[in-house]
Amino acid sequence: MPRTALQSDVTIQRYHTIKVISSRGLISTLFGPGFYIVMCLSLLAPSILIYSYLGSVRETGLASMSNLIGTPFSVWVSIWGLFLSISSSLAVSREKELGTIEELFYGPVGPTDYVLARYVEHLLVYLVALAVSVCYFSMVSLLTNFSMSGTFIPTLLLSIFSVSTMVAFGILVSVVASKTRSSLTLLLTVALIFLGLDLAQGFLLGHSLGDPVGALPFGMSVLGWIARLTRWVSPFSNLGMGMDAAARGDIRAYGIVLVHSAAYSCAMLWMAVNRLKRKGVRA
């Protein structure tokens, strides 16, 4: 058989494998209660924000605040991103513990097929949730007269890339960790560290301590630099950076965030695949 024909057969087989595994995972998620519980919780938090905005509008008589829909939507994206990051990590680590991955690898499924299938599965879950959220925020905009700003559509696209990085990161963590509990602990620890650094940077940028003395200015400077550097390492920072760029109308910075998100996802998936190939599923 010619090499091109053989490569074509392998590609078709891989596509079919990824399609079957991801479809089954998607259907299982949509028929489970977790999807709908997270959907309700993720819509509750933006609803509280929007209700507070309505109270401010009633008091002032005008909507003086900006991005009245975009900010609640970013909260919704953050909740789903964290959930899918945890979900992807637990799905892989749980199947490692049960030996399901090992059984799949004895068949036609390889590490690349499996990792990509889990990645596609969780992105599909997010796209379904995103469609629901667009309907919800459109109705909110219609009922409250809070117009969707020109950055809402770019934020929709950005959210897909941002959630992609979180899912890919969750898969890598699950492959590296040996047990389900250690996978969850590692993921939450890293998330809290990155979140803490982001909050620290926001505090330093938004507050002035007057005339600090001693080692405090140096410590603040170092913490600020660490926070700025880790924003490009953290899978949870791309959404904020992209929204800031879109709000400024900086197309170049927005594009850089998208490219960085895609490259980050590819790097995380590549490392997960290579980890499985080198160490196996029992490592």
C-alpha atoms as a PDB file:
ATOM      1  CA  MET A   1       0.000   0.000   0.000  1.00  0.00           C
ATOM      2  CA  PRO A   2       1.421   3.473  -0.870  1.00  0.00           C
ATOM      3  CA  ARG A   3       2.568   5.581   2.062  1.00  0.00           C
ATOM      4  CA  THR A   4       0.093   8.371   1.265  1.00  0.00           C
ATOM      5  CA  ALA A   5      -2.822   5.937   1.314  1.00  0.00           C
ATOM      6  CA  LEU A   6      -1.622   4.470   4.618  1.00  0.00           C
ATOM      7  CA  GLN A   7      -1.302   7.927   6.176  1.00  0.00           C
ATOM      8  CA  SER A   8      -4.793   8.770   4.943  1.00  0.00           C
ATOM      9  CA  ASP A   9      -6.204   5.637   6.602  1.00  0.00           C
ATOM     10  CA  VAL A  10      -4.456   6.486   9.868  1.00  0.00           C
ATOM     11  CA  THR A  11      -5.842  10.033   9.765  1.00  0.00           C
ATOM     12  CA  ILE A  12      -9.380   8.769   9.109  1.00  0.00           C
ATOM     13  CA  GLN A  13      -9.083   6.234  11.932  1.00  0.00           C
ATOM     14  CA  ARG A  14      -7.792   8.914  14.315  1.00  0.00           C
ATOM     15  CA  TYR A  15     -10.607  11.293  13.370  1.00  0.00           C
ATOM     16  CA  HIS A  16     -13.176   8.547  13.933  1.00  0.00           C
ATOM     17  CA  THR A  17     -11.669   7.653  17.324  1.00  0.00           C
ATOM     18  CA  ILE A  18     -11.641  11.262  18.499  1.00  0.00           C
ATOM     19  CA  LYS A  19     -15.201  11.747  17.254  1.00  0.00           C
ATOM     20  CA  VAL A  20     -16.529   8.657  19.059  1.00  0.00           C
ATOM     21  CA  ILE A  21     -14.831   9.346  22.411  1.00  0.00           C
ATOM     22  CA  SER A  22     -15.651  13.062  22.455  1.00  0.00           C
ATOM     23  CA  SER A  23     -19.262  12.488  21.371  1.00  0.00           C
ATOM     24  CA  ARG A  24     -19.838   9.932  24.109  1.00  0.00           C
ATOM     25  CA  GLY A  25     -18.332  12.263  26.676  1.00  0.00           C
ATOM     26  CA  LEU A  26     -20.470  15.171  25.472  1.00  0.00           C
ATOM     27  CA  ILE A  27     -23.680  13.137  25.596  1.00  0.00           C
ATOM     28  CA  SER A  28     -22.801  11.823  29.054  1.00  0.00           C
ATOM     29  CA  THR A  29     -22.242  15.373  30.301  1.00  0.00           C
ATOM     30  CA  LEU A  30     -25.438  16.749  28.800  1.00  0.00           C
ATOM     31  CA  PHE A  31     -27.500  13.941  30.292  1.00  0.00           C
ATOM     32  CA  GLY A  32     -25.919  14.360  33.728  1.00  0.00           C
ATOM     33  CA  PRO A  33     -26.965  16.812  36.440  1.00  0.00           C
ATOM     34  CA  GLY A  34     -23.581  18.530  36.732  1.00  0.00           C
ATOM     35  CA  PHE A  35     -23.959  20.508  33.515  1.00  0.00           C
ATOM     36  CA  TYR A  36     -27.261  22.016  34.594  1.00  0.00           C
ATOM     37  CA  ILE A  37     -26.140  22.712  38.160  1.00  0.00           C
ATOM     38  CA  VAL A  38     -23.098  24.627  36.896  1.00  0.00           C
ATOM     39  CA  MET A  39     -25.242  26.414  34.305  1.00  0.00           C
ATOM     40  CA  CYS A  40     -27.622  27.639  37.007  1.00  0.00           C
ATOM     41  CA  LEU A  41     -24.804  28.734  39.311  1.00  0.00           C
ATOM     42  CA  SER A  42     -22.899  30.407  36.474  1.00  0.00           C
ATOM     43  CA  LEU A  43     -25.982  32.416  35.494  1.00  0.00           C
ATOM     44  CA  LEU A  44     -26.829  33.275  39.098  1.00  0.00           C
ATOM     45  CA  ALA A  45     -23.588  35.199  39.709  1.00  0.00           C
ATOM     46  CA  PRO A  46     -23.984  37.482  36.630  1.00  0.00           C
ATOM     47  CA  SER A  47     -27.654  37.941  37.508  1.00  0.00           C
ATOM     48  CA  ILE A  48     -26.685  39.311  40.917  1.00  0.00           C
ATOM     49  CA  LEU A  49     -24.260  41.717  39.242  1.00  0.00           C
ATOM     50  CA  ILE A  50     -26.872  42.858  36.744  1.00  0.00           C
ATOM     51  CA  TYR A  51     -29.407  43.343  39.554  1.00  0.00           C
ATOM     52  CA  SER A  52     -26.925  45.576  41.375  1.00  0.00           C
ATOM     53  CA  TYR A  53     -26.418  47.550  38.148  1.00  0.00           C
ATOM     54  CA  LEU A  54     -30.177  48.041  37.886  1.00  0.00           C
ATOM     55  CA  GLY A  55     -30.220  49.383  41.440  1.00  0.00           C
ATOM     56  CA  SER A  56     -27.498  51.884  40.561  1.00  0.00           C
ATOM     57  CA  VAL A  57     -29.398  52.956  37.451  1.00  0.00           C
ATOM     58  CA  ARG A  58     -32.573  53.513  39.486  1.00  0.00           C
ATOM     59  CA  GLU A  59     -30.659  55.648  41.968  1.00  0.00           C
ATOM     60  CA  THR A  60     -28.719  57.763  39.455  1.00  0.00           C
ATOM     61  CA  GLY A  61     -31.268  57.774  36.666  1.00  0.00           C
ATOM     62  CA  LEU A  62     -28.746  56.789  34.003  1.00  0.00           C
ATOM     63  CA  ALA A  63     -26.443  53.931  33.141  1.00  0.00           C
ATOM     64  CA  SER A  64     -23.154  55.680  33.807  1.00  0.00           C
ATOM     65  CA  MET A  65     -21.201  52.449  34.160  1.00  0.00           C
ATOM     66  CA  SER A  66     -19.559  50.839  31.158  1.00  0.00           C
ATOM     67  CA  ASN A  67     -19.625  47.239  29.989  1.00  0.00           C
ATOM     68  CA  LEU A  68     -22.836  46.411  31.839  1.00  0.00           C
ATOM     69  CA  ILE A  69     -23.167  43.101  29.957  1.00  0.00           C
ATOM     70  CA  GLY A  70     -19.507  42.350  29.303  1.00  0.00           C
ATOM     71  CA  THR A  71     -18.447  42.195  32.950  1.00  0.00           C
ATOM     72  CA  PRO A  72     -21.197  39.737  34.027  1.00  0.00           C
ATOM     73  CA  PHE A  73     -20.397  37.661  30.940  1.00  0.00           C
ATOM     74  CA  SER A  74     -16.723  37.502  31.908  1.00  0.00           C
ATOM     75  CA  VAL A  75     -17.790  36.195  35.326  1.00  0.00           C
ATOM     76  CA  TRP A  76     -19.840  33.516  33.568  1.00  0.00           C
ATOM     77  CA  VAL A  77     -16.869  32.524  31.398  1.00  0.00           C
ATOM     78  CA  SER A  78     -14.562  32.339  34.410  1.00  0.00           C
ATOM     79  CA  ILE A  79     -16.919  29.982  36.239  1.00  0.00           C
ATOM     80  CA  TRP A  80     -17.240  27.687  33.234  1.00  0.00           C
ATOM     81  CA  GLY A  81     -13.522  27.805  32.540  1.00  0.00           C
ATOM     82  CA  LEU A  82     -12.693  26.719  36.080  1.00  0.00           C
ATOM     83  CA  PHE A  83     -15.378  24.023  36.031  1.00  0.00           C
ATOM     84  CA  LEU A  84     -14.206  22.558  32.716  1.00  0.00           C
ATOM     85  CA  SER A  85     -10.593  22.701  33.834  1.00  0.00           C
ATOM     86  CA  ILE A  86     -11.483  20.650  36.904  1.00  0.00           C
ATOM     87  CA  SER A  87     -13.803  18.393  34.907  1.00  0.00           C
ATOM     88  CA  SER A  88     -11.192  17.573  32.267  1.00  0.00           C
ATOM     89  CA  SER A  89      -8.590  16.889  34.947  1.00  0.00           C
ATOM     90  CA  LEU A  90     -10.882  14.605  36.940  1.00  0.00           C
ATOM     91  CA  ALA A  91     -12.122  12.766  33.845  1.00  0.00           C
ATOM     92  CA  VAL A  92      -8.617  11.766  32.774  1.00  0.00           C
ATOM     93  CA  SER A  93      -7.222  11.026  36.252  1.00  0.00           C
ATOM     94  CA  ARG A  94     -10.281   8.965  37.178  1.00  0.00           C
ATOM     95  CA  GLU A  95      -9.914   6.829  34.036  1.00  0.00           C
ATOM     96  CA  LYS A  96      -6.215   6.385  34.837  1.00  0.00           C
ATOM     97  CA  GLU A  97      -7.075   5.051  38.290  1.00  0.00           C
ATOM     98  CA  LEU A  98      -9.780   2.718  36.973  1.00  0.00           C
ATOM     99  CA  GLY A  99      -7.540   1.385  34.211  1.00  0.00           C
ATOM    100  CA  THR A 100      -9.887   2.539  31.453  1.00  0.00           C
ATOM    101  CA  ILE A 101      -7.150   4.384  29.561  1.00  0.00           C
ATOM    102  CA  GLU A 102      -4.896   1.339  29.685  1.00  0.00           C
ATOM    103  CA  GLU A 103      -7.645  -0.796  28.148  1.00  0.00           C
ATOM    104  CA  LEU A 104      -8.191   1.791  25.404  1.00  0.00           C
ATOM    105  CA  PHE A 105      -4.477   1.872  24.626  1.00  0.00           C
ATOM    106  CA  TYR A 106      -4.513  -1.887  24.014  1.00  0.00           C
ATOM    107  CA  GLY A 107      -6.955  -1.181  21.178  1.00  0.00           C
ATOM    108  CA  PRO A 108      -6.796   1.312  18.325  1.00  0.00           C
ATOM    109  CA  VAL A 109      -6.677   4.332  20.672  1.00  0.00           C
ATOM    110  CA  GLY A 110      -3.319   6.050  21.222  1.00  0.00           C
ATOM    111  CA  PRO A 111      -2.229   8.830  23.594  1.00  0.00           C
ATOM    112  CA  THR A 112      -2.709  11.519  20.935  1.00  0.00           C
ATOM    113  CA  ASP A 113      -6.214  10.300  20.086  1.00  0.00           C
ATOM    114  CA  TYR A 114      -7.245  10.108  23.724  1.00  0.00           C
ATOM    115  CA  VAL A 115      -5.903  13.519  24.777  1.00  0.00           C
ATOM    116  CA  LEU A 116      -7.402  15.267  21.757  1.00  0.00           C
ATOM    117  CA  ALA A 117     -10.733  13.501  22.299  1.00  0.00           C
ATOM    118  CA  ARG A 118     -10.967  14.695  25.896  1.00  0.00           C
ATOM    119  CA  TYR A 119      -9.966  18.186  24.832  1.00  0.00           C
ATOM    120  CA  VAL A 120     -12.573  18.319  22.051  1.00  0.00           C
ATOM    121  CA  GLU A 121     -15.214  16.872  24.364  1.00  0.00           C
ATOM    122  CA  HIS A 122     -14.870  19.668  26.908  1.00  0.00           C
ATOM    123  CA  LEU A 123     -14.693  22.370  24.256  1.00  0.00           C
ATOM    124  CA  LEU A 124     -17.950  21.040  22.791  1.00  0.00           C
ATOM    125  CA  VAL A 125     -19.525  21.185  26.251  1.00  0.00           C
ATOM    126  CA  TYR A 126     -18.439  24.799  26.504  1.00  0.00           C
ATOM    127  CA  LEU A 127     -19.866  25.662  23.074  1.00  0.00           C
ATOM    128  CA  VAL A 128     -23.247  24.272  24.128  1.00  0.00           C
ATOM    129  CA  ALA A 129     -23.100  26.289  27.343  1.00  0.00           C
ATOM    130  CA  LEU A 130     -21.977  29.355  25.377  1.00  0.00           C
ATOM    131  CA  ALA A 131     -25.028  29.118  23.117  1.00  0.00           C
ATOM    132  CA  VAL A 132     -27.274  29.099  26.200  1.00  0.00           C
ATOM    133  CA  SER A 133     -25.437  32.081  27.681  1.00  0.00           C
ATOM    134  CA  VAL A 134     -25.771  34.122  24.488  1.00  0.00           C
ATOM    135  CA  CYS A 135     -29.547  33.591  24.601  1.00  0.00           C
ATOM    136  CA  TYR A 136     -29.601  34.566  28.273  1.00  0.00           C
ATOM    137  CA  PHE A 137     -27.537  37.740  27.925  1.00  0.00           C
ATOM    138  CA  SER A 138     -29.470  38.743  24.797  1.00  0.00           C
ATOM    139  CA  MET A 139     -32.721  38.504  26.774  1.00  0.00           C
ATOM    140  CA  VAL A 140     -31.144  40.476  29.630  1.00  0.00           C
ATOM    141  CA  SER A 141     -30.054  43.167  27.214  1.00  0.00           C
ATOM    142  CA  LEU A 142     -33.552  43.325  25.729  1.00  0.00           C
ATOM    143  CA  LEU A 143     -35.340  43.473  29.095  1.00  0.00           C
ATOM    144  CA  THR A 144     -32.996  45.907  30.834  1.00  0.00           C
ATOM    145  CA  ASN A 145     -32.008  48.095  27.862  1.00  0.00           C
ATOM    146  CA  PHE A 146     -28.386  47.442  28.752  1.00  0.00           C
ATOM    147  CA  SER A 147     -26.853  47.449  25.307  1.00  0.00           C
ATOM    148  CA  MET A 148     -24.191  44.943  24.390  1.00  0.00           C
ATOM    149  CA  SER A 149     -21.024  46.900  23.711  1.00  0.00           C
ATOM    150  CA  GLY A 150     -18.960  46.472  20.586  1.00  0.00           C
ATOM    151  CA  THR A 151     -16.550  44.300  22.554  1.00  0.00           C
ATOM    152  CA  PHE A 152     -19.128  41.591  23.280  1.00  0.00           C
ATOM    153  CA  ILE A 153     -18.611  39.686  20.017  1.00  0.00           C
ATOM    154  CA  PRO A 154     -14.787  39.743  20.363  1.00  0.00           C
ATOM    155  CA  THR A 155     -15.260  38.558  23.947  1.00  0.00           C
ATOM    156  CA  LEU A 156     -17.298  35.575  22.715  1.00  0.00           C
ATOM    157  CA  LEU A 157     -14.423  34.491  20.480  1.00  0.00           C
ATOM    158  CA  LEU A 158     -11.895  35.237  23.190  1.00  0.00           C
ATOM    159  CA  SER A 159     -13.810  33.106  25.684  1.00  0.00           C
ATOM    160  CA  ILE A 160     -13.443  30.016  23.484  1.00  0.00           C
ATOM    161  CA  PHE A 161      -9.672  30.469  23.289  1.00  0.00           C
ATOM    162  CA  SER A 162      -9.448  31.197  27.024  1.00  0.00           C
ATOM    163  CA  VAL A 163     -11.460  28.148  28.044  1.00  0.00           C
ATOM    164  CA  SER A 164      -9.312  26.122  25.645  1.00  0.00           C
ATOM    165  CA  THR A 165      -6.207  26.964  27.679  1.00  0.00           C
ATOM    166  CA  MET A 166      -7.924  26.014  30.935  1.00  0.00           C
ATOM    167  CA  VAL A 167      -9.103  22.661  29.570  1.00  0.00           C
ATOM    168  CA  ALA A 168      -5.682  21.845  28.109  1.00  0.00           C
ATOM    169  CA  PHE A 169      -4.024  22.785  31.403  1.00  0.00           C
ATOM    170  CA  GLY A 170      -6.436  20.562  33.330  1.00  0.00           C
ATOM    171  CA  ILE A 171      -5.631  17.613  31.066  1.00  0.00           C
ATOM    172  CA  LEU A 172      -1.884  18.109  31.557  1.00  0.00           C
ATOM    173  CA  VAL A 173      -2.295  18.250  35.337  1.00  0.00           C
ATOM    174  CA  SER A 174      -4.289  15.001  35.313  1.00  0.00           C
ATOM    175  CA  VAL A 175      -1.626  13.265  33.240  1.00  0.00           C
ATOM    176  CA  VAL A 176       1.169  14.434  35.549  1.00  0.00           C
ATOM    177  CA  ALA A 177      -0.651  13.612  38.807  1.00  0.00           C
ATOM    178  CA  SER A 178      -0.823   9.974  39.854  1.00  0.00           C
ATOM    179  CA  LYS A 179      -4.205  10.012  41.620  1.00  0.00           C
ATOM    180  CA  THR A 180      -7.528  11.785  41.240  1.00  0.00           C
ATOM    181  CA  ARG A 181      -7.191  13.522  44.597  1.00  0.00           C
ATOM    182  CA  SER A 182      -3.654  14.727  43.870  1.00  0.00           C
ATOM    183  CA  SER A 183      -4.786  15.948  40.449  1.00  0.00           C
ATOM    184  CA  LEU A 184      -7.558  18.044  41.982  1.00  0.00           C
ATOM    185  CA  THR A 185      -5.304  19.339  44.755  1.00  0.00           C
ATOM    186  CA  LEU A 186      -2.561  20.333  42.319  1.00  0.00           C
ATOM    187  CA  LEU A 187      -4.983  22.054  39.965  1.00  0.00           C
ATOM    188  CA  LEU A 188      -6.702  24.058  42.708  1.00  0.00           C
ATOM    189  CA  THR A 189      -3.368  25.001  44.286  1.00  0.00           C
ATOM    190  CA  VAL A 190      -1.994  26.332  41.009  1.00  0.00           C
ATOM    191  CA  ALA A 191      -5.260  28.164  40.296  1.00  0.00           C
ATOM    192  CA  LEU A 192      -5.210  29.836  43.718  1.00  0.00           C
ATOM    193  CA  ILE A 193      -1.570  30.886  43.270  1.00  0.00           C
ATOM    194  CA  PHE A 194      -2.248  32.462  39.875  1.00  0.00           C
ATOM    195  CA  LEU A 195      -5.436  34.097  41.148  1.00  0.00           C
ATOM    196  CA  GLY A 196      -3.596  35.481  44.162  1.00  0.00           C
ATOM    197  CA  LEU A 197      -0.885  36.971  41.957  1.00  0.00           C
ATOM    198  CA  ASP A 198      -3.531  38.555  39.695  1.00  0.00           C
ATOM    199  CA  LEU A 199      -5.284  40.072  42.719  1.00  0.00           C
ATOM    200  CA  ALA A 200      -1.973  41.310  44.087  1.00  0.00           C
ATOM    201  CA  GLN A 201      -1.166  43.005  40.799  1.00  0.00           C
ATOM    202  CA  GLY A 202      -4.603  44.632  40.715  1.00  0.00           C
ATOM    203  CA  PHE A 203      -4.124  45.889  44.262  1.00  0.00           C
ATOM    204  CA  LEU A 204      -0.697  47.339  43.480  1.00  0.00           C
ATOM    205  CA  LEU A 205      -1.968  49.054  40.361  1.00  0.00           C
ATOM    206  CA  GLY A 206      -5.052  50.472  42.040  1.00  0.00           C
ATOM    207  CA  HIS A 207      -3.694  51.579  45.390  1.00  0.00           C
ATOM    208  CA  SER A 208      -0.969  53.888  46.564  1.00  0.00           C
ATOM    209  CA  LEU A 209       0.687  53.466  49.931  1.00  0.00           C
ATOM    210  CA  GLY A 210       1.853  57.040  50.121  1.00  0.00           C
ATOM    211  CA  ASP A 211       5.543  57.171  50.954  1.00  0.00           C
ATOM    212  CA  PRO A 212       6.557  53.596  51.796  1.00  0.00           C
ATOM    213  CA  VAL A 213       9.909  53.061  53.468  1.00  0.00           C
ATOM    214  CA  GLY A 214      12.425  50.266  53.883  1.00  0.00           C
ATOM    215  CA  ALA A 215      12.150  47.111  51.808  1.00  0.00           C
ATOM    216  CA  LEU A 216       8.454  47.617  51.025  1.00  0.00           C
ATOM    217  CA  PRO A 217       8.915  49.434  47.680  1.00  0.00           C
ATOM    218  CA  PHE A 218      11.338  46.762  46.461  1.00  0.00           C
ATOM    219  CA  GLY A 219       8.996  43.977  47.549  1.00  0.00           C
ATOM    220  CA  MET A 220       6.047  45.605  45.813  1.00  0.00           C
ATOM    221  CA  SER A 221       8.091  46.026  42.649  1.00  0.00           C
ATOM    222  CA  VAL A 222       9.186  42.389  42.662  1.00  0.00           C
ATOM    223  CA  LEU A 223       5.635  41.183  43.305  1.00  0.00           C
ATOM    224  CA  GLY A 224       4.361  43.356  40.461  1.00  0.00           C
ATOM    225  CA  TRP A 225       6.930  41.947  38.038  1.00  0.00           C
ATOM    226  CA  ILE A 226       6.147  38.371  39.091  1.00  0.00           C
ATOM    227  CA  ALA A 227       2.431  38.994  38.607  1.00  0.00           C
ATOM    228  CA  ARG A 228       2.977  40.479  35.146  1.00  0.00           C
ATOM    229  CA  LEU A 229       5.182  37.580  34.059  1.00  0.00           C
ATOM    230  CA  THR A 230       2.849  34.893  35.371  1.00  0.00           C
ATOM    231  CA  ARG A 231      -0.061  36.389  33.458  1.00  0.00           C
ATOM    232  CA  TRP A 232       1.495  34.834  30.333  1.00  0.00           C
ATOM    233  CA  VAL A 233       2.015  31.514  32.108  1.00  0.00           C
ATOM    234  CA  SER A 234      -1.360  31.280  33.814  1.00  0.00           C
ATOM    235  CA  PRO A 235      -4.193  29.662  31.831  1.00  0.00           C
ATOM    236  CA  PHE A 236      -6.635  31.837  33.763  1.00  0.00           C
ATOM    237  CA  SER A 237      -5.306  35.251  32.666  1.00  0.00           C
ATOM    238  CA  ASN A 238      -5.973  35.281  28.929  1.00  0.00           C
ATOM    239  CA  LEU A 239      -9.600  36.324  29.280  1.00  0.00           C
ATOM    240  CA  GLY A 240      -8.746  39.437  31.288  1.00  0.00           C
ATOM    241  CA  MET A 241      -5.862  40.438  29.011  1.00  0.00           C
ATOM    242  CA  GLY A 242      -7.982  39.971  25.896  1.00  0.00           C
ATOM    243  CA  MET A 243     -10.921  41.924  27.305  1.00  0.00           C
ATOM    244  CA  ASP A 244      -8.611  44.784  28.273  1.00  0.00           C
ATOM    245  CA  ALA A 245      -7.210  44.845  24.727  1.00  0.00           C
ATOM    246  CA  ALA A 246     -10.710  44.759  23.201  1.00  0.00           C
ATOM    247  CA  ALA A 247     -11.888  47.583  25.491  1.00  0.00           C
ATOM    248  CA  ARG A 248      -8.931  49.721  24.361  1.00  0.00           C
ATOM    249  CA  GLY A 249      -9.599  48.879  20.722  1.00  0.00           C
ATOM    250  CA  ASP A 250      -6.075  47.454  20.479  1.00  0.00           C
ATOM    251  CA  ILE A 251      -6.483  44.888  17.689  1.00  0.00           C
ATOM    252  CA  ARG A 252      -2.813  43.932  17.760  1.00  0.00           C
ATOM    253  CA  ALA A 253      -2.834  43.133  21.499  1.00  0.00           C
ATOM    254  CA  TYR A 254      -6.123  41.267  21.114  1.00  0.00           C
ATOM    255  CA  GLY A 255      -4.659  39.163  18.309  1.00  0.00           C
ATOM    256  CA  ILE A 256      -1.553  38.438  20.386  1.00  0.00           C
ATOM    257  CA  VAL A 257      -3.751  37.101  23.197  1.00  0.00           C
ATOM    258  CA  LEU A 258      -5.605  34.817  20.767  1.00  0.00           C
ATOM    259  CA  VAL A 259      -2.368  33.501  19.272  1.00  0.00           C
ATOM    260  CA  HIS A 260      -0.877  33.043  22.735  1.00  0.00           C
ATOM    261  CA  SER A 261      -3.981  31.137  23.878  1.00  0.00           C
ATOM    262  CA  ALA A 262      -3.832  28.812  20.866  1.00  0.00           C
ATOM    263  CA  ALA A 263      -0.088  28.224  21.298  1.00  0.00           C
ATOM    264  CA  TYR A 264      -0.539  27.655  25.045  1.00  0.00           C
ATOM    265  CA  SER A 265      -3.266  25.052  24.439  1.00  0.00           C
ATOM    266  CA  CYS A 266      -1.146  23.244  21.835  1.00  0.00           C
ATOM    267  CA  ALA A 267       1.856  23.227  24.186  1.00  0.00           C
ATOM    268  CA  MET A 268      -0.173  21.816  27.098  1.00  0.00           C
ATOM    269  CA  LEU A 269      -1.694  19.084  24.921  1.00  0.00           C
ATOM    270  CA  TRP A 270       1.682  18.218  23.389  1.00  0.00           C
ATOM    271  CA  MET A 271       3.232  17.841  26.836  1.00  0.00           C
ATOM    272  CA  ALA A 272       0.306  15.683  28.002  1.00  0.00           C
ATOM    273  CA  VAL A 273       0.633  13.369  24.989  1.00  0.00           C
ATOM    274  CA  ASN A 274       4.391  13.034  25.405  1.00  0.00           C
ATOM    275  CA  ARG A 275       4.028  12.378  29.108  1.00  0.00           C
ATOM    276  CA  LEU A 276       1.663   9.489  28.366  1.00  0.00           C
ATOM    277  CA  LYS A 277       3.962   8.127  25.674  1.00  0.00           C
ATOM    278  CA  ARG A 278       7.068   8.220  27.893  1.00  0.00           C
ATOM    279  CA  LYS A 279       5.690   7.321  31.309  1.00  0.00           C
ATOM    280  CA  GLY A 280       2.572   5.363  30.412  1.00  0.00           C
ATOM    281  CA  VAL A 281      -0.800   5.495  32.162  1.00  0.00           C
ATOM    282  CA  ARG A 282       0.431   4.001  35.448  1.00  0.00           C
ATOM    283  CA  ALA A 283       2.998   6.727  36.166  1.00  0.00           C
END
